[in-house]
């Protein structure tokens, strides 16, 4: 799928400590985002991406996030098709983040 880079949860966590420019795009539904989210992420549900893509910055690395990494991979591929250059996908989604980075994060 357009060779979207897959970033592991622990790697993303390390990068968030060092890099300012990452844009965390959480494409889950609002109820999912309300249940648990990675600090600093922006919720833009997958179904609204086409209409609201202008809200996603082109001058930052966009890391797409969902529950397990499948919806976000589709969104990342779409953004690549729209000309976004720096797009990545969080492998395993927030589930992997809860497992590998933040064991206190609520899961579902």
C-alpha atoms as a PDB file:
ATOM      1  CA  UNK A   1       0.000   0.000   0.000  1.00  0.00           C
ATOM      2  CA  UNK A   2       2.225   2.791  -1.323  1.00  0.00           C
ATOM      3  CA  UNK A   3       5.041   1.517   0.912  1.00  0.00           C
ATOM      4  CA  UNK A   4       3.761   3.357   3.980  1.00  0.00           C
ATOM      5  CA  UNK A   5       6.414   3.242   6.733  1.00  0.00           C
ATOM      6  CA  UNK A   6       5.231   1.313   9.786  1.00  0.00           C
ATOM      7  CA  UNK A   7       6.431   2.846  13.046  1.00  0.00           C
ATOM      8  CA  UNK A   8       6.492   0.705  16.172  1.00  0.00           C
ATOM      9  CA  UNK A   9       4.901   2.080  19.364  1.00  0.00           C
ATOM     10  CA  UNK A  10       8.170   2.188  21.340  1.00  0.00           C
ATOM     11  CA  UNK A  11       9.954   3.920  18.458  1.00  0.00           C
ATOM     12  CA  UNK A  12       7.190   6.513  18.182  1.00  0.00           C
ATOM     13  CA  UNK A  13       7.347   7.115  21.932  1.00  0.00           C
ATOM     14  CA  UNK A  14      11.109   7.769  21.700  1.00  0.00           C
ATOM     15  CA  UNK A  15      10.624  10.097  18.728  1.00  0.00           C
ATOM     16  CA  UNK A  16       7.891  12.057  20.523  1.00  0.00           C
ATOM     17  CA  UNK A  17      10.386  12.851  23.284  1.00  0.00           C
ATOM     18  CA  UNK A  18      12.869  14.291  20.753  1.00  0.00           C
ATOM     19  CA  UNK A  19      10.884  15.598  17.769  1.00  0.00           C
ATOM     20  CA  UNK A  20       8.474  18.524  17.778  1.00  0.00           C
ATOM     21  CA  UNK A  21       7.196  18.173  14.241  1.00  0.00           C
ATOM     22  CA  UNK A  22       5.143  14.987  14.419  1.00  0.00           C
ATOM     23  CA  UNK A  23       1.412  15.304  13.743  1.00  0.00           C
ATOM     24  CA  UNK A  24      -0.471  12.436  15.378  1.00  0.00           C
ATOM     25  CA  UNK A  25      -3.643  11.838  13.367  1.00  0.00           C
ATOM     26  CA  UNK A  26      -6.069   9.526  15.179  1.00  0.00           C
ATOM     27  CA  UNK A  27      -8.672   8.333  12.660  1.00  0.00           C
ATOM     28  CA  UNK A  28     -10.871   6.406  15.104  1.00  0.00           C
ATOM     29  CA  UNK A  29     -14.446   7.336  15.938  1.00  0.00           C
ATOM     30  CA  UNK A  30     -14.961  10.009  18.635  1.00  0.00           C
ATOM     31  CA  UNK A  31     -16.172   7.463  21.206  1.00  0.00           C
ATOM     32  CA  UNK A  32     -12.968   5.441  20.704  1.00  0.00           C
ATOM     33  CA  UNK A  33     -10.817   8.554  21.014  1.00  0.00           C
ATOM     34  CA  UNK A  34     -12.673   9.554  24.202  1.00  0.00           C
ATOM     35  CA  UNK A  35     -11.971   6.108  25.687  1.00  0.00           C
ATOM     36  CA  UNK A  36      -8.209   6.299  25.153  1.00  0.00           C
ATOM     37  CA  UNK A  37      -5.784   8.346  23.087  1.00  0.00           C
ATOM     38  CA  UNK A  38      -2.102   9.074  22.774  1.00  0.00           C
ATOM     39  CA  UNK A  39      -1.332  12.479  24.302  1.00  0.00           C
ATOM     40  CA  UNK A  40      -1.140  15.207  21.688  1.00  0.00           C
ATOM     41  CA  UNK A  41      -3.031  13.320  18.993  1.00  0.00           C
ATOM     42  CA  UNK A  42      -5.754  14.971  16.920  1.00  0.00           C
ATOM     43  CA  UNK A  43      -9.006  13.091  16.292  1.00  0.00           C
ATOM     44  CA  UNK A  44     -10.249  13.208  12.703  1.00  0.00           C
ATOM     45  CA  UNK A  45     -12.485  10.179  12.049  1.00  0.00           C
ATOM     46  CA  UNK A  46     -11.708   8.132   8.950  1.00  0.00           C
ATOM     47  CA  UNK A  47     -15.104   8.909   7.426  1.00  0.00           C
ATOM     48  CA  UNK A  48     -14.360  12.658   7.564  1.00  0.00           C
ATOM     49  CA  UNK A  49     -10.824  12.588   6.130  1.00  0.00           C
ATOM     50  CA  UNK A  50     -11.804  13.328   2.519  1.00  0.00           C
ATOM     51  CA  UNK A  51     -13.886  16.376   3.465  1.00  0.00           C
ATOM     52  CA  UNK A  52     -11.470  17.653   6.126  1.00  0.00           C
ATOM     53  CA  UNK A  53      -8.064  16.752   4.680  1.00  0.00           C
ATOM     54  CA  UNK A  54      -7.235  20.465   4.396  1.00  0.00           C
ATOM     55  CA  UNK A  55      -6.930  20.437   8.225  1.00  0.00           C
ATOM     56  CA  UNK A  56      -3.991  18.012   8.053  1.00  0.00           C
ATOM     57  CA  UNK A  57      -0.648  19.837   7.758  1.00  0.00           C
ATOM     58  CA  UNK A  58       1.513  19.068   4.727  1.00  0.00           C
ATOM     59  CA  UNK A  59       4.693  20.449   6.279  1.00  0.00           C
ATOM     60  CA  UNK A  60       4.906  17.933   9.149  1.00  0.00           C
ATOM     61  CA  UNK A  61       5.324  14.177   9.410  1.00  0.00           C
ATOM     62  CA  UNK A  62       1.823  12.720   9.803  1.00  0.00           C
ATOM     63  CA  UNK A  63       1.581   9.553  11.897  1.00  0.00           C
ATOM     64  CA  UNK A  64      -1.796   7.864  11.337  1.00  0.00           C
ATOM     65  CA  UNK A  65      -3.293   6.013  14.311  1.00  0.00           C
ATOM     66  CA  UNK A  66      -6.323   3.770  14.868  1.00  0.00           C
ATOM     67  CA  UNK A  67      -7.213   0.816  17.110  1.00  0.00           C
ATOM     68  CA  UNK A  68      -5.108  -1.898  15.465  1.00  0.00           C
ATOM     69  CA  UNK A  69      -3.476  -0.116  12.511  1.00  0.00           C
ATOM     70  CA  UNK A  70      -5.704  -1.082   9.574  1.00  0.00           C
ATOM     71  CA  UNK A  71      -7.965   1.977   9.207  1.00  0.00           C
ATOM     72  CA  UNK A  72      -4.982   4.248   9.737  1.00  0.00           C
ATOM     73  CA  UNK A  73      -3.046   2.422   7.011  1.00  0.00           C
ATOM     74  CA  UNK A  74      -5.888   3.126   4.569  1.00  0.00           C
ATOM     75  CA  UNK A  75      -5.893   6.799   5.559  1.00  0.00           C
ATOM     76  CA  UNK A  76      -2.102   6.977   5.219  1.00  0.00           C
ATOM     77  CA  UNK A  77      -2.348   5.534   1.699  1.00  0.00           C
ATOM     78  CA  UNK A  78      -5.045   8.072   0.828  1.00  0.00           C
ATOM     79  CA  UNK A  79      -2.891  10.948   2.102  1.00  0.00           C
ATOM     80  CA  UNK A  80       0.036   9.680   0.015  1.00  0.00           C
ATOM     81  CA  UNK A  81      -2.242   9.680  -3.047  1.00  0.00           C
ATOM     82  CA  UNK A  82      -3.141  13.288  -2.205  1.00  0.00           C
ATOM     83  CA  UNK A  83       0.505  14.305  -2.320  1.00  0.00           C
ATOM     84  CA  UNK A  84       1.461  14.161   1.344  1.00  0.00           C
ATOM     85  CA  UNK A  85       5.125  13.202   1.432  1.00  0.00           C
ATOM     86  CA  UNK A  86       5.849  12.328   5.062  1.00  0.00           C
ATOM     87  CA  UNK A  87       3.169   9.859   6.159  1.00  0.00           C
ATOM     88  CA  UNK A  88       3.622   6.935   8.548  1.00  0.00           C
ATOM     89  CA  UNK A  89       1.348   4.397  10.218  1.00  0.00           C
ATOM     90  CA  UNK A  90       1.452   3.325  13.875  1.00  0.00           C
ATOM     91  CA  UNK A  91       1.838  -0.452  13.617  1.00  0.00           C
ATOM     92  CA  UNK A  92      -0.700  -2.137  15.874  1.00  0.00           C
ATOM     93  CA  UNK A  93      -2.438   1.158  16.697  1.00  0.00           C
ATOM     94  CA  UNK A  94      -3.358   2.273  20.201  1.00  0.00           C
ATOM     95  CA  UNK A  95      -3.568  -1.380  21.212  1.00  0.00           C
ATOM     96  CA  UNK A  96       0.182  -1.731  20.600  1.00  0.00           C
ATOM     97  CA  UNK A  97       0.773   1.572  22.395  1.00  0.00           C
ATOM     98  CA  UNK A  98      -1.136   0.299  25.456  1.00  0.00           C
ATOM     99  CA  UNK A  99       0.765  -2.978  25.343  1.00  0.00           C
ATOM    100  CA  UNK A 100       4.292  -1.645  24.716  1.00  0.00           C
ATOM    101  CA  UNK A 101       4.362   1.936  26.013  1.00  0.00           C
ATOM    102  CA  UNK A 102       1.510   2.789  28.400  1.00  0.00           C
ATOM    103  CA  UNK A 103       0.112  -0.213  30.295  1.00  0.00           C
ATOM    104  CA  UNK A 104      -2.228   2.132  32.227  1.00  0.00           C
ATOM    105  CA  UNK A 105      -4.024   3.198  29.028  1.00  0.00           C
ATOM    106  CA  UNK A 106      -7.612   1.905  28.947  1.00  0.00           C
ATOM    107  CA  UNK A 107      -8.122  -0.813  26.343  1.00  0.00           C
ATOM    108  CA  UNK A 108     -11.152  -2.037  24.439  1.00  0.00           C
END
